[in-house]
Structures are given as structure tokens and as C-alpha cells.
């Protein structure tokens, strides 16, 4: 995607709506974590549910942080923090 195409896409009302929805979803998951909603006991469920929530936040952040260079066919795969 060329920089001008990216700029058009980023300012498109549909894209803005999707990004707004993603930001709201991210905040809901953060609030869920803050409330302790993933604390399930000692059977490993806490770690699993917390990991899922953190993964959701990380995935949303990756989408929200896309730049025009991320769309190039020769671009490296995204760094997942590994």
C-alpha cells in the first residue's frame, strides 16, 4: 500500500469507525483485568484467562499501530514481542 493510499484508508469513515470500536473493546478488556475478572482460583484458569485478555489487548494494539510500511509485500512479519 502506497503512503497516499494508506492516508486515504486511515481517514476513511469506515476505518475510523472500526478503530473506534477496537479502542472501546480494548478498554473493556483492560477494565475487566482491573476488576480482577480473570481471577478464577488456583487451577490454572487464572493464568489462562489473563493470558487470553492480554493477547486480545496485544492483537488490538497491533492493528491500531499499523503503519503504511507494514503493508508492503516485502515487509517482515510483525514482531509479536518474542
PDB file of N, CA and C in Angstrom:
ATOM      1  N   UNK A   1       0.860  -1.172   0.000  1.00  0.00           N
ATOM      2  CA  UNK A   1       0.000   0.000   0.000  1.00  0.00           C
ATOM      3  C   UNK A   1       0.903   1.232   0.000  1.00  0.00           C
ATOM      4  N   UNK A   2       0.637   2.113  -0.904  1.00  0.00           N
ATOM      5  CA  UNK A   2       1.394   3.360  -1.002  1.00  0.00           C
ATOM      6  C   UNK A   2       1.009   4.297   0.142  1.00  0.00           C
ATOM      7  N   UNK A   3       1.925   5.194   0.536  1.00  0.00           N
ATOM      8  CA  UNK A   3       1.609   6.127   1.626  1.00  0.00           C
ATOM      9  C   UNK A   3       0.328   6.926   1.396  1.00  0.00           C
ATOM     10  N   UNK A   4       0.074   7.340   0.151  1.00  0.00           N
ATOM     11  CA  UNK A   4      -1.149   8.109  -0.116  1.00  0.00           C
ATOM     12  C   UNK A   4      -2.398   7.231   0.049  1.00  0.00           C
ATOM     13  N   UNK A   5      -2.301   5.971  -0.373  1.00  0.00           N
ATOM     14  CA  UNK A   5      -3.423   5.044  -0.190  1.00  0.00           C
ATOM     15  C   UNK A   5      -3.663   4.780   1.292  1.00  0.00           C
ATOM     16  N   UNK A   6      -2.572   4.643   2.036  1.00  0.00           N
ATOM     17  CA  UNK A   6      -2.679   4.426   3.477  1.00  0.00           C
ATOM     18  C   UNK A   6      -3.354   5.618   4.143  1.00  0.00           C
ATOM     19  N   UNK A   7      -2.959   6.829   3.751  1.00  0.00           N
ATOM     20  CA  UNK A   7      -3.561   8.039   4.326  1.00  0.00           C
ATOM     21  C   UNK A   7      -5.060   8.078   4.039  1.00  0.00           C
ATOM     22  N   UNK A   8      -5.446   7.714   2.816  1.00  0.00           N
ATOM     23  CA  UNK A   8      -6.873   7.670   2.469  1.00  0.00           C
ATOM     24  C   UNK A   8      -7.605   6.628   3.307  1.00  0.00           C
ATOM     25  N   UNK A   9      -6.999   5.450   3.432  1.00  0.00           N
ATOM     26  CA  UNK A   9      -7.612   4.372   4.207  1.00  0.00           C
ATOM     27  C   UNK A   9      -7.764   4.770   5.670  1.00  0.00           C
ATOM     28  N   UNK A  10      -6.711   5.389   6.219  1.00  0.00           N
ATOM     29  CA  UNK A  10      -6.709   5.744   7.644  1.00  0.00           C
ATOM     30  C   UNK A  10      -7.766   6.805   7.958  1.00  0.00           C
ATOM     31  N   UNK A  11      -8.071   7.682   7.002  1.00  0.00           N
ATOM     32  CA  UNK A  11      -9.048   8.750   7.236  1.00  0.00           C
ATOM     33  C   UNK A  11     -10.458   8.386   6.757  1.00  0.00           C
ATOM     34  N   UNK A  12     -10.605   7.217   6.157  1.00  0.00           N
ATOM     35  CA  UNK A  12     -11.921   6.779   5.699  1.00  0.00           C
ATOM     36  C   UNK A  12     -12.861   6.616   6.898  1.00  0.00           C
ATOM     37  N   UNK A  13     -14.113   7.064   6.783  1.00  0.00           N
ATOM     38  CA  UNK A  13     -15.056   6.947   7.906  1.00  0.00           C
ATOM     39  C   UNK A  13     -15.250   5.511   8.406  1.00  0.00           C
ATOM     40  N   UNK A  14     -15.229   4.549   7.495  1.00  0.00           N
ATOM     41  CA  UNK A  14     -15.377   3.155   7.917  1.00  0.00           C
ATOM     42  C   UNK A  14     -14.188   2.718   8.756  1.00  0.00           C
ATOM     43  N   UNK A  15     -12.985   3.065   8.311  1.00  0.00           N
ATOM     44  CA  UNK A  15     -11.780   2.730   9.071  1.00  0.00           C
ATOM     45  C   UNK A  15     -11.818   3.391  10.438  1.00  0.00           C
ATOM     46  N   UNK A  16     -12.206   4.657  10.470  1.00  0.00           N
ATOM     47  CA  UNK A  16     -12.298   5.361  11.757  1.00  0.00           C
ATOM     48  C   UNK A  16     -13.291   4.675  12.685  1.00  0.00           C
ATOM     49  N   UNK A  17     -14.407   4.216  12.132  1.00  0.00           N
ATOM     50  CA  UNK A  17     -15.405   3.515  12.936  1.00  0.00           C
ATOM     51  C   UNK A  17     -14.877   2.197  13.488  1.00  0.00           C
ATOM     52  N   UNK A  18     -14.158   1.466  12.653  1.00  0.00           N
ATOM     53  CA  UNK A  18     -13.575   0.200  13.097  1.00  0.00           C
ATOM     54  C   UNK A  18     -12.552   0.453  14.198  1.00  0.00           C
ATOM     55  N   UNK A  19     -11.697   1.455  14.006  1.00  0.00           N
ATOM     56  CA  UNK A  19     -10.682   1.767  15.015  1.00  0.00           C
ATOM     57  C   UNK A  19     -11.332   2.205  16.326  1.00  0.00           C
ATOM     58  N   UNK A  20     -12.414   2.948  16.248  1.00  0.00           N
ATOM     59  CA  UNK A  20     -13.120   3.378  17.461  1.00  0.00           C
ATOM     60  C   UNK A  20     -13.667   2.160  18.204  1.00  0.00           C
ATOM     61  N   UNK A  21     -14.256   1.242  17.460  1.00  0.00           N
ATOM     62  CA  UNK A  21     -14.794   0.023  18.060  1.00  0.00           C
ATOM     63  C   UNK A  21     -13.682  -0.809  18.693  1.00  0.00           C
ATOM     64  N   UNK A  22     -12.545  -0.911  18.012  1.00  0.00           N
ATOM     65  CA  UNK A  22     -11.416  -1.656  18.564  1.00  0.00           C
ATOM     66  C   UNK A  22     -10.892  -1.013  19.846  1.00  0.00           C
ATOM     67  N   UNK A  23     -10.798   0.314  19.857  1.00  0.00           N
ATOM     68  CA  UNK A  23     -10.332   1.015  21.061  1.00  0.00           C
ATOM     69  C   UNK A  23     -11.291   0.790  22.228  1.00  0.00           C
ATOM     70  N   UNK A  24     -12.585   0.809  21.951  1.00  0.00           N
ATOM     71  CA  UNK A  24     -13.580   0.562  23.002  1.00  0.00           C
ATOM     72  C   UNK A  24     -13.469  -0.869  23.528  1.00  0.00           C
ATOM     73  N   UNK A  25     -13.264  -1.822  22.628  1.00  0.00           N
ATOM     74  CA  UNK A  25     -13.119  -3.219  23.043  1.00  0.00           C
ATOM     75  C   UNK A  25     -11.867  -3.393  23.894  1.00  0.00           C
ATOM     76  N   UNK A  26     -10.784  -2.739  23.487  1.00  0.00           N
ATOM     77  CA  UNK A  26      -9.538  -2.815  24.261  1.00  0.00           C
ATOM     78  C   UNK A  26      -9.750  -2.273  25.670  1.00  0.00           C
ATOM     79  N   UNK A  27     -10.461  -1.158  25.788  1.00  0.00           N
ATOM     80  CA  UNK A  27     -10.715  -0.568  27.106  1.00  0.00           C
ATOM     81  C   UNK A  27     -11.577  -1.478  27.971  1.00  0.00           C
ATOM     82  N   UNK A  28     -12.548  -2.151  27.361  1.00  0.00           N
ATOM     83  CA  UNK A  28     -13.395  -3.088  28.120  1.00  0.00           C
ATOM     84  C   UNK A  28     -12.565  -4.237  28.688  1.00  0.00           C
ATOM     85  N   UNK A  29     -11.629  -4.747  27.892  1.00  0.00           N
ATOM     86  CA  UNK A  29     -10.783  -5.838  28.367  1.00  0.00           C
ATOM     87  C   UNK A  29      -9.858  -5.335  29.476  1.00  0.00           C
ATOM     88  N   UNK A  30      -9.320  -4.127  29.323  1.00  0.00           N
ATOM     89  CA  UNK A  30      -8.476  -3.555  30.379  1.00  0.00           C
ATOM     90  C   UNK A  30      -9.267  -3.392  31.675  1.00  0.00           C
ATOM     91  N   UNK A  31     -10.499  -2.927  31.556  1.00  0.00           N
ATOM     92  CA  UNK A  31     -11.352  -2.770  32.740  1.00  0.00           C
ATOM     93  C   UNK A  31     -11.642  -4.122  33.383  1.00  0.00           C
ATOM     94  N   UNK A  32     -11.840  -5.136  32.557  1.00  0.00           N
ATOM     95  CA  UNK A  32     -12.076  -6.479  33.061  1.00  0.00           C
ATOM     96  C   UNK A  32     -10.868  -6.956  33.874  1.00  0.00           C
ATOM     97  N   UNK A  33      -9.667  -6.712  33.347  1.00  0.00           N
ATOM     98  CA  UNK A  33      -8.451  -7.084  34.074  1.00  0.00           C
ATOM     99  C   UNK A  33      -8.337  -6.308  35.384  1.00  0.00           C
ATOM    100  N   UNK A  34      -8.636  -5.020  35.333  1.00  0.00           N
ATOM    101  CA  UNK A  34      -8.535  -4.180  36.529  1.00  0.00           C
ATOM    102  C   UNK A  34      -9.514  -4.624  37.613  1.00  0.00           C
ATOM    103  N   UNK A  35     -10.680  -5.116  37.225  1.00  0.00           N
ATOM    104  CA  UNK A  35     -11.687  -5.600  38.178  1.00  0.00           C
ATOM    105  C   UNK A  35     -11.332  -6.964  38.749  1.00  0.00           C
ATOM    106  N   UNK A  36     -10.355  -7.615  38.150  1.00  0.00           N
ATOM    107  CA  UNK A  36      -9.995  -8.953  38.600  1.00  0.00           C
ATOM    108  C   UNK A  36     -10.885 -10.038  38.035  1.00  0.00           C
ATOM    109  N   UNK A  37     -11.540  -9.752  36.927  1.00  0.00           N
ATOM    110  CA  UNK A  37     -12.487 -10.709  36.350  1.00  0.00           C
ATOM    111  C   UNK A  37     -11.819 -11.985  35.839  1.00  0.00           C
ATOM    112  N   UNK A  38     -10.492 -11.970  35.668  1.00  0.00           N
ATOM    113  CA  UNK A  38      -9.807 -13.175  35.195  1.00  0.00           C
ATOM    114  C   UNK A  38      -9.269 -14.018  36.345  1.00  0.00           C
ATOM    115  N   UNK A  39      -9.486 -13.580  37.573  1.00  0.00           N
ATOM    116  CA  UNK A  39      -9.014 -14.339  38.736  1.00  0.00           C
ATOM    117  C   UNK A  39     -10.000 -15.464  39.017  1.00  0.00           C
ATOM    118  N   UNK A  40      -9.616 -16.689  38.678  1.00  0.00           N
ATOM    119  CA  UNK A  40     -10.536 -17.820  38.712  1.00  0.00           C
ATOM    120  C   UNK A  40     -10.232 -18.835  39.808  1.00  0.00           C
ATOM    121  N   UNK A  41      -9.156 -18.719  40.507  1.00  0.00           N
ATOM    122  CA  UNK A  41      -8.785 -19.721  41.501  1.00  0.00           C
ATOM    123  C   UNK A  41      -7.397 -20.259  41.220  1.00  0.00           C
ATOM    124  N   UNK A  42      -7.111 -21.421  41.751  1.00  0.00           N
ATOM    125  CA  UNK A  42      -5.760 -21.972  41.665  1.00  0.00           C
ATOM    126  C   UNK A  42      -5.599 -23.100  40.657  1.00  0.00           C
ATOM    127  N   UNK A  43      -6.554 -23.338  39.819  1.00  0.00           N
ATOM    128  CA  UNK A  43      -6.471 -24.478  38.907  1.00  0.00           C
ATOM    129  C   UNK A  43      -5.826 -24.150  37.565  1.00  0.00           C
ATOM    130  N   UNK A  44      -5.206 -23.018  37.439  1.00  0.00           N
ATOM    131  CA  UNK A  44      -4.589 -22.618  36.178  1.00  0.00           C
ATOM    132  C   UNK A  44      -5.488 -21.769  35.318  1.00  0.00           C
ATOM    133  N   UNK A  45      -6.752 -21.678  35.665  1.00  0.00           N
ATOM    134  CA  UNK A  45      -7.686 -20.876  34.872  1.00  0.00           C
ATOM    135  C   UNK A  45      -7.335 -19.399  34.911  1.00  0.00           C
ATOM    136  N   UNK A  46      -6.822 -18.927  36.043  1.00  0.00           N
ATOM    137  CA  UNK A  46      -6.460 -17.515  36.157  1.00  0.00           C
ATOM    138  C   UNK A  46      -5.415 -17.149  35.117  1.00  0.00           C
ATOM    139  N   UNK A  47      -4.361 -17.957  35.034  1.00  0.00           N
ATOM    140  CA  UNK A  47      -3.301 -17.677  34.061  1.00  0.00           C
ATOM    141  C   UNK A  47      -3.832 -17.751  32.638  1.00  0.00           C
ATOM    142  N   UNK A  48      -4.670 -18.735  32.371  1.00  0.00           N
ATOM    143  CA  UNK A  48      -5.227 -18.895  31.027  1.00  0.00           C
ATOM    144  C   UNK A  48      -6.111 -17.710  30.647  1.00  0.00           C
ATOM    145  N   UNK A  49      -7.024 -17.337  31.525  1.00  0.00           N
ATOM    146  CA  UNK A  49      -7.936 -16.230  31.230  1.00  0.00           C
ATOM    147  C   UNK A  49      -7.197 -14.897  31.151  1.00  0.00           C
ATOM    148  N   UNK A  50      -6.222 -14.698  32.027  1.00  0.00           N
ATOM    149  CA  UNK A  50      -5.429 -13.469  31.985  1.00  0.00           C
ATOM    150  C   UNK A  50      -4.614 -13.419  30.702  1.00  0.00           C
ATOM    151  N   UNK A  51      -4.041 -14.553  30.317  1.00  0.00           N
ATOM    152  CA  UNK A  51      -3.282 -14.622  29.070  1.00  0.00           C
ATOM    153  C   UNK A  51      -4.141 -14.307  27.858  1.00  0.00           C
ATOM    154  N   UNK A  52      -5.359 -14.818  27.847  1.00  0.00           N
ATOM    155  CA  UNK A  52      -6.280 -14.517  26.743  1.00  0.00           C
ATOM    156  C   UNK A  52      -6.560 -13.017  26.671  1.00  0.00           C
ATOM    157  N   UNK A  53      -6.823 -12.412  27.823  1.00  0.00           N
ATOM    158  CA  UNK A  53      -7.139 -10.980  27.853  1.00  0.00           C
ATOM    159  C   UNK A  53      -5.954 -10.153  27.373  1.00  0.00           C
ATOM    160  N   UNK A  54      -4.763 -10.505  27.833  1.00  0.00           N
ATOM    161  CA  UNK A  54      -3.563  -9.778  27.407  1.00  0.00           C
ATOM    162  C   UNK A  54      -3.343  -9.974  25.908  1.00  0.00           C
ATOM    163  N   UNK A  55      -3.601 -11.176  25.404  1.00  0.00           N
ATOM    164  CA  UNK A  55      -3.470 -11.435  23.974  1.00  0.00           C
ATOM    165  C   UNK A  55      -4.445 -10.616  23.142  1.00  0.00           C
ATOM    166  N   UNK A  56      -5.659 -10.458  23.633  1.00  0.00           N
ATOM    167  CA  UNK A  56      -6.649  -9.627  22.940  1.00  0.00           C
ATOM    168  C   UNK A  56      -6.153  -8.191  22.863  1.00  0.00           C
ATOM    169  N   UNK A  57      -5.665  -7.678  23.977  1.00  0.00           N
ATOM    170  CA  UNK A  57      -5.156  -6.298  24.005  1.00  0.00           C
ATOM    171  C   UNK A  57      -3.988  -6.152  23.041  1.00  0.00           C
ATOM    172  N   UNK A  58      -3.051  -7.089  23.060  1.00  0.00           N
ATOM    173  CA  UNK A  58      -1.880  -7.036  22.182  1.00  0.00           C
ATOM    174  C   UNK A  58      -2.308  -7.080  20.712  1.00  0.00           C
ATOM    175  N   UNK A  59      -3.260  -7.938  20.377  1.00  0.00           N
ATOM    176  CA  UNK A  59      -3.737  -8.027  18.996  1.00  0.00           C
ATOM    177  C   UNK A  59      -4.391  -6.740  18.522  1.00  0.00           C
ATOM    178  N   UNK A  60      -5.213  -6.159  19.374  1.00  0.00           N
ATOM    179  CA  UNK A  60      -5.850  -4.886  19.025  1.00  0.00           C
ATOM    180  C   UNK A  60      -4.794  -3.805  18.853  1.00  0.00           C
ATOM    181  N   UNK A  61      -3.808  -3.766  19.756  1.00  0.00           N
ATOM    182  CA  UNK A  61      -2.740  -2.775  19.644  1.00  0.00           C
ATOM    183  C   UNK A  61      -1.980  -2.918  18.328  1.00  0.00           C
ATOM    184  N   UNK A  62      -1.744  -4.160  17.897  1.00  0.00           N
ATOM    185  CA  UNK A  62      -1.037  -4.372  16.630  1.00  0.00           C
ATOM    186  C   UNK A  62      -1.821  -3.779  15.466  1.00  0.00           C
ATOM    187  N   UNK A  63      -3.126  -3.940  15.463  1.00  0.00           N
ATOM    188  CA  UNK A  63      -3.956  -3.386  14.393  1.00  0.00           C
ATOM    189  C   UNK A  63      -3.952  -1.863  14.449  1.00  0.00           C
ATOM    190  N   UNK A  64      -4.125  -1.319  15.648  1.00  0.00           N
ATOM    191  CA  UNK A  64      -4.185   0.137  15.796  1.00  0.00           C
ATOM    192  C   UNK A  64      -2.859   0.810  15.464  1.00  0.00           C
ATOM    193  N   UNK A  65      -1.759   0.071  15.593  1.00  0.00           N
ATOM    194  CA  UNK A  65      -0.434   0.640  15.356  1.00  0.00           C
ATOM    195  C   UNK A  65       0.084   0.418  13.937  1.00  0.00           C
ATOM    196  N   UNK A  66      -0.757  -0.098  13.035  1.00  0.00           N
ATOM    197  CA  UNK A  66      -0.307  -0.336  11.663  1.00  0.00           C
ATOM    198  C   UNK A  66       0.158   0.954  11.003  1.00  0.00           C
ATOM    199  N   UNK A  67       1.251   0.846  10.276  1.00  0.00           N
ATOM    200  CA  UNK A  67       1.799   1.968   9.508  1.00  0.00           C
ATOM    201  C   UNK A  67       1.788   1.582   8.029  1.00  0.00           C
ATOM    202  N   UNK A  68       1.973   2.554   7.154  1.00  0.00           N
ATOM    203  CA  UNK A  68       1.900   2.261   5.720  1.00  0.00           C
ATOM    204  C   UNK A  68       2.946   1.234   5.301  1.00  0.00           C
ATOM    205  N   UNK A  69       4.136   1.246   5.874  1.00  0.00           N
ATOM    206  CA  UNK A  69       5.176   0.290   5.522  1.00  0.00           C
ATOM    207  C   UNK A  69       4.843  -1.138   5.911  1.00  0.00           C
ATOM    208  N   UNK A  70       3.923  -1.315   6.837  1.00  0.00           N
ATOM    209  CA  UNK A  70       3.533  -2.653   7.269  1.00  0.00           C
ATOM    210  C   UNK A  70       2.770  -3.405   6.186  1.00  0.00           C
ATOM    211  N   UNK A  71       2.328  -2.706   5.168  1.00  0.00           N
ATOM    212  CA  UNK A  71       1.520  -3.312   4.116  1.00  0.00           C
ATOM    213  C   UNK A  71       2.343  -3.727   2.907  1.00  0.00           C
ATOM    214  N   UNK A  72       3.619  -3.398   2.902  1.00  0.00           N
ATOM    215  CA  UNK A  72       4.456  -3.743   1.758  1.00  0.00           C
ATOM    216  C   UNK A  72       4.617  -5.255   1.689  1.00  0.00           C
ATOM    217  N   UNK A  73       4.613  -5.782   0.480  1.00  0.00           N
ATOM    218  CA  UNK A  73       4.700  -7.231   0.314  1.00  0.00           C
ATOM    219  C   UNK A  73       6.030  -7.785   0.790  1.00  0.00           C
ATOM    220  N   UNK A  74       7.080  -6.985   0.745  1.00  0.00           N
ATOM    221  CA  UNK A  74       8.398  -7.429   1.171  1.00  0.00           C
ATOM    222  C   UNK A  74       8.627  -7.224   2.663  1.00  0.00           C
ATOM    223  N   UNK A  75       7.653  -6.681   3.358  1.00  0.00           N
ATOM    224  CA  UNK A  75       7.822  -6.370   4.781  1.00  0.00           C
ATOM    225  C   UNK A  75       8.010  -7.643   5.594  1.00  0.00           C
ATOM    226  N   UNK A  76       8.779  -7.513   6.665  1.00  0.00           N
ATOM    227  CA  UNK A  76       8.985  -8.617   7.595  1.00  0.00           C
ATOM    228  C   UNK A  76       7.684  -8.901   8.337  1.00  0.00           C
ATOM    229  N   UNK A  77       7.499 -10.128   8.786  1.00  0.00           N
ATOM    230  CA  UNK A  77       6.304 -10.409   9.588  1.00  0.00           C
ATOM    231  C   UNK A  77       6.325  -9.594  10.874  1.00  0.00           C
ATOM    232  N   UNK A  78       5.173  -9.314  11.449  1.00  0.00           N
ATOM    233  CA  UNK A  78       5.131  -8.488  12.653  1.00  0.00           C
ATOM    234  C   UNK A  78       5.875  -9.140  13.808  1.00  0.00           C
ATOM    235  N   UNK A  79       6.481  -8.310  14.644  1.00  0.00           N
ATOM    236  CA  UNK A  79       7.168  -8.775  15.844  1.00  0.00           C
ATOM    237  C   UNK A  79       6.141  -8.892  16.958  1.00  0.00           C
ATOM    238  N   UNK A  80       5.949 -10.088  17.453  1.00  0.00           N
ATOM    239  CA  UNK A  80       4.961 -10.318  18.496  1.00  0.00           C
ATOM    240  C   UNK A  80       5.566 -10.194  19.883  1.00  0.00           C
ATOM    241  N   UNK A  81       6.704  -9.505  19.985  1.00  0.00           N
ATOM    242  CA  UNK A  81       7.328  -9.289  21.278  1.00  0.00           C
ATOM    243  C   UNK A  81       8.138 -10.483  21.749  1.00  0.00           C
ATOM    244  N   UNK A  82       8.480 -11.371  20.817  1.00  0.00           N
ATOM    245  CA  UNK A  82       9.270 -12.554  21.200  1.00  0.00           C
ATOM    246  C   UNK A  82      10.734 -12.258  21.137  1.00  0.00           C
TER     247      UNK A  82
END
